[in-house]
Amino acid sequence: MRSRKTLVSSESRLSQFSIKPLLTTEDVASILRINVRTVQRLVRARRLPVCTGAGKHWRFEEDALREYIRDTTVLASRPKALRAA
């Protein structure tokens, strides 16, 4: 069993890194209010940024998802004539 001193030093070393929680496909589907299969299609089409994946078990960074939402919201709010540009 590790001593308290070892555990504290390990925790302080970990705090140096900015470890952000990753979102699951289900989390992203819930946030975007779409079906999980639609999330999978968007990833395969390279329209939705994925952080890491193993098979169907993809993980998404929250910041990348926020950027995706911002970009797609701006695009959808433009007049149709400007969307292609």
C-alpha atoms as a PDB file:
ATOM      1  CA  MET A   1       0.000   0.000   0.000  1.00  0.00           C
ATOM      2  CA  ARG A   2       1.278   3.450  -0.883  1.00  0.00           C
ATOM      3  CA  SER A   3       2.055   5.959   1.788  1.00  0.00           C
ATOM      4  CA  ARG A   4       0.100   9.205   2.061  1.00  0.00           C
ATOM      5  CA  LYS A   5       3.180  11.157   0.936  1.00  0.00           C
ATOM      6  CA  THR A   6       3.402   9.162  -2.308  1.00  0.00           C
ATOM      7  CA  LEU A   7      -0.281   9.675  -3.064  1.00  0.00           C
ATOM      8  CA  VAL A   8      -0.062  13.427  -2.478  1.00  0.00           C
ATOM      9  CA  SER A   9       2.972  13.793  -4.729  1.00  0.00           C
ATOM     10  CA  SER A  10       1.249  11.784  -7.474  1.00  0.00           C
ATOM     11  CA  GLU A  11      -1.830  14.012  -7.245  1.00  0.00           C
ATOM     12  CA  SER A  12       0.258  17.174  -7.460  1.00  0.00           C
ATOM     13  CA  ARG A  13       2.043  15.848 -10.550  1.00  0.00           C
ATOM     14  CA  LEU A  14      -1.300  15.046 -12.171  1.00  0.00           C
ATOM     15  CA  SER A  15      -2.597  18.541 -11.455  1.00  0.00           C
ATOM     16  CA  GLN A  16       0.120  19.917 -13.758  1.00  0.00           C
ATOM     17  CA  PHE A  17      -1.709  18.405 -16.724  1.00  0.00           C
ATOM     18  CA  SER A  18      -5.031  19.705 -17.897  1.00  0.00           C
ATOM     19  CA  ILE A  19      -6.998  16.481 -18.039  1.00  0.00           C
ATOM     20  CA  LYS A  20     -10.445  17.224 -19.386  1.00  0.00           C
ATOM     21  CA  PRO A  21     -13.287  14.750 -19.178  1.00  0.00           C
ATOM     22  CA  LEU A  22     -14.277  13.260 -22.506  1.00  0.00           C
ATOM     23  CA  LEU A  23     -17.844  12.905 -23.724  1.00  0.00           C
ATOM     24  CA  THR A  24     -19.314   9.660 -25.001  1.00  0.00           C
ATOM     25  CA  THR A  25     -21.349   9.291 -28.181  1.00  0.00           C
ATOM     26  CA  GLU A  26     -24.478   9.171 -26.036  1.00  0.00           C
ATOM     27  CA  ASP A  27     -23.472  12.423 -24.280  1.00  0.00           C
ATOM     28  CA  VAL A  28     -22.961  14.182 -27.611  1.00  0.00           C
ATOM     29  CA  ALA A  29     -26.280  12.883 -28.957  1.00  0.00           C
ATOM     30  CA  SER A  30     -28.048  14.197 -25.872  1.00  0.00           C
ATOM     31  CA  ILE A  31     -26.371  17.610 -26.074  1.00  0.00           C
ATOM     32  CA  LEU A  32     -27.109  17.995 -29.791  1.00  0.00           C
ATOM     33  CA  ARG A  33     -30.583  16.453 -29.391  1.00  0.00           C
ATOM     34  CA  ILE A  34     -29.977  13.945 -32.169  1.00  0.00           C
ATOM     35  CA  ASN A  35     -29.864  10.175 -32.426  1.00  0.00           C
ATOM     36  CA  VAL A  36     -26.662   8.287 -31.561  1.00  0.00           C
ATOM     37  CA  ARG A  37     -26.585   6.888 -35.115  1.00  0.00           C
ATOM     38  CA  THR A  38     -26.609  10.455 -36.457  1.00  0.00           C
ATOM     39  CA  VAL A  39     -23.567  11.263 -34.303  1.00  0.00           C
ATOM     40  CA  GLN A  40     -21.834   8.203 -35.751  1.00  0.00           C
ATOM     41  CA  ARG A  41     -22.693   9.303 -39.300  1.00  0.00           C
ATOM     42  CA  LEU A  42     -21.348  12.807 -38.646  1.00  0.00           C
ATOM     43  CA  VAL A  43     -18.064  11.356 -37.360  1.00  0.00           C
ATOM     44  CA  ARG A  44     -17.709   9.021 -40.338  1.00  0.00           C
ATOM     45  CA  ALA A  45     -18.379  11.950 -42.677  1.00  0.00           C
ATOM     46  CA  ARG A  46     -15.666  13.892 -40.792  1.00  0.00           C
ATOM     47  CA  ARG A  47     -18.115  16.664 -39.969  1.00  0.00           C
ATOM     48  CA  LEU A  48     -17.969  16.118 -36.201  1.00  0.00           C
ATOM     49  CA  PRO A  49     -14.520  16.125 -34.551  1.00  0.00           C
ATOM     50  CA  VAL A  50     -13.701  13.003 -32.554  1.00  0.00           C
ATOM     51  CA  CYS A  51     -10.872  12.940 -30.010  1.00  0.00           C
ATOM     52  CA  THR A  52     -10.224   9.235 -29.846  1.00  0.00           C
ATOM     53  CA  GLY A  53     -11.974   6.092 -30.843  1.00  0.00           C
ATOM     54  CA  ALA A  54     -11.817   2.350 -30.749  1.00  0.00           C
ATOM     55  CA  GLY A  55     -14.473   0.826 -32.931  1.00  0.00           C
ATOM     56  CA  LYS A  56     -17.782   2.449 -32.053  1.00  0.00           C
ATOM     57  CA  HIS A  57     -16.511   3.735 -28.703  1.00  0.00           C
ATOM     58  CA  TRP A  58     -15.624   7.292 -29.616  1.00  0.00           C
ATOM     59  CA  ARG A  59     -14.801  10.055 -27.177  1.00  0.00           C
ATOM     60  CA  PHE A  60     -15.245  13.756 -27.793  1.00  0.00           C
ATOM     61  CA  GLU A  61     -13.615  16.813 -26.251  1.00  0.00           C
ATOM     62  CA  GLU A  62     -16.077  19.305 -24.847  1.00  0.00           C
ATOM     63  CA  ASP A  63     -14.225  22.287 -26.346  1.00  0.00           C
ATOM     64  CA  ALA A  64     -14.283  20.751 -29.832  1.00  0.00           C
ATOM     65  CA  LEU A  65     -18.003  20.081 -29.490  1.00  0.00           C
ATOM     66  CA  ARG A  66     -18.628  23.691 -28.411  1.00  0.00           C
ATOM     67  CA  GLU A  67     -16.712  24.884 -31.484  1.00  0.00           C
ATOM     68  CA  TYR A  68     -18.741  22.550 -33.715  1.00  0.00           C
ATOM     69  CA  ILE A  69     -21.974  23.907 -32.261  1.00  0.00           C
ATOM     70  CA  ARG A  70     -20.801  27.494 -32.700  1.00  0.00           C
ATOM     71  CA  ASP A  71     -19.727  26.903 -36.317  1.00  0.00           C
ATOM     72  CA  THR A  72     -22.885  25.057 -37.342  1.00  0.00           C
ATOM     73  CA  THR A  73     -25.116  27.597 -35.593  1.00  0.00           C
ATOM     74  CA  VAL A  74     -23.428  30.477 -37.415  1.00  0.00           C
ATOM     75  CA  LEU A  75     -23.768  28.631 -40.721  1.00  0.00           C
ATOM     76  CA  ALA A  76     -27.451  27.868 -40.167  1.00  0.00           C
ATOM     77  CA  SER A  77     -28.224  31.468 -39.252  1.00  0.00           C
ATOM     78  CA  ARG A  78     -26.792  32.822 -42.528  1.00  0.00           C
ATOM     79  CA  PRO A  79     -29.030  33.514 -45.525  1.00  0.00           C
ATOM     80  CA  LYS A  80     -29.152  30.565 -47.961  1.00  0.00           C
ATOM     81  CA  ALA A  81     -27.246  32.456 -50.661  1.00  0.00           C
ATOM     82  CA  LEU A  82     -24.235  32.848 -48.344  1.00  0.00           C
ATOM     83  CA  ARG A  83     -24.145  29.291 -46.920  1.00  0.00           C
ATOM     84  CA  ALA A  84     -22.286  27.865 -49.920  1.00  0.00           C
ATOM     85  CA  ALA A  85     -19.580  30.524 -49.644  1.00  0.00           C
END
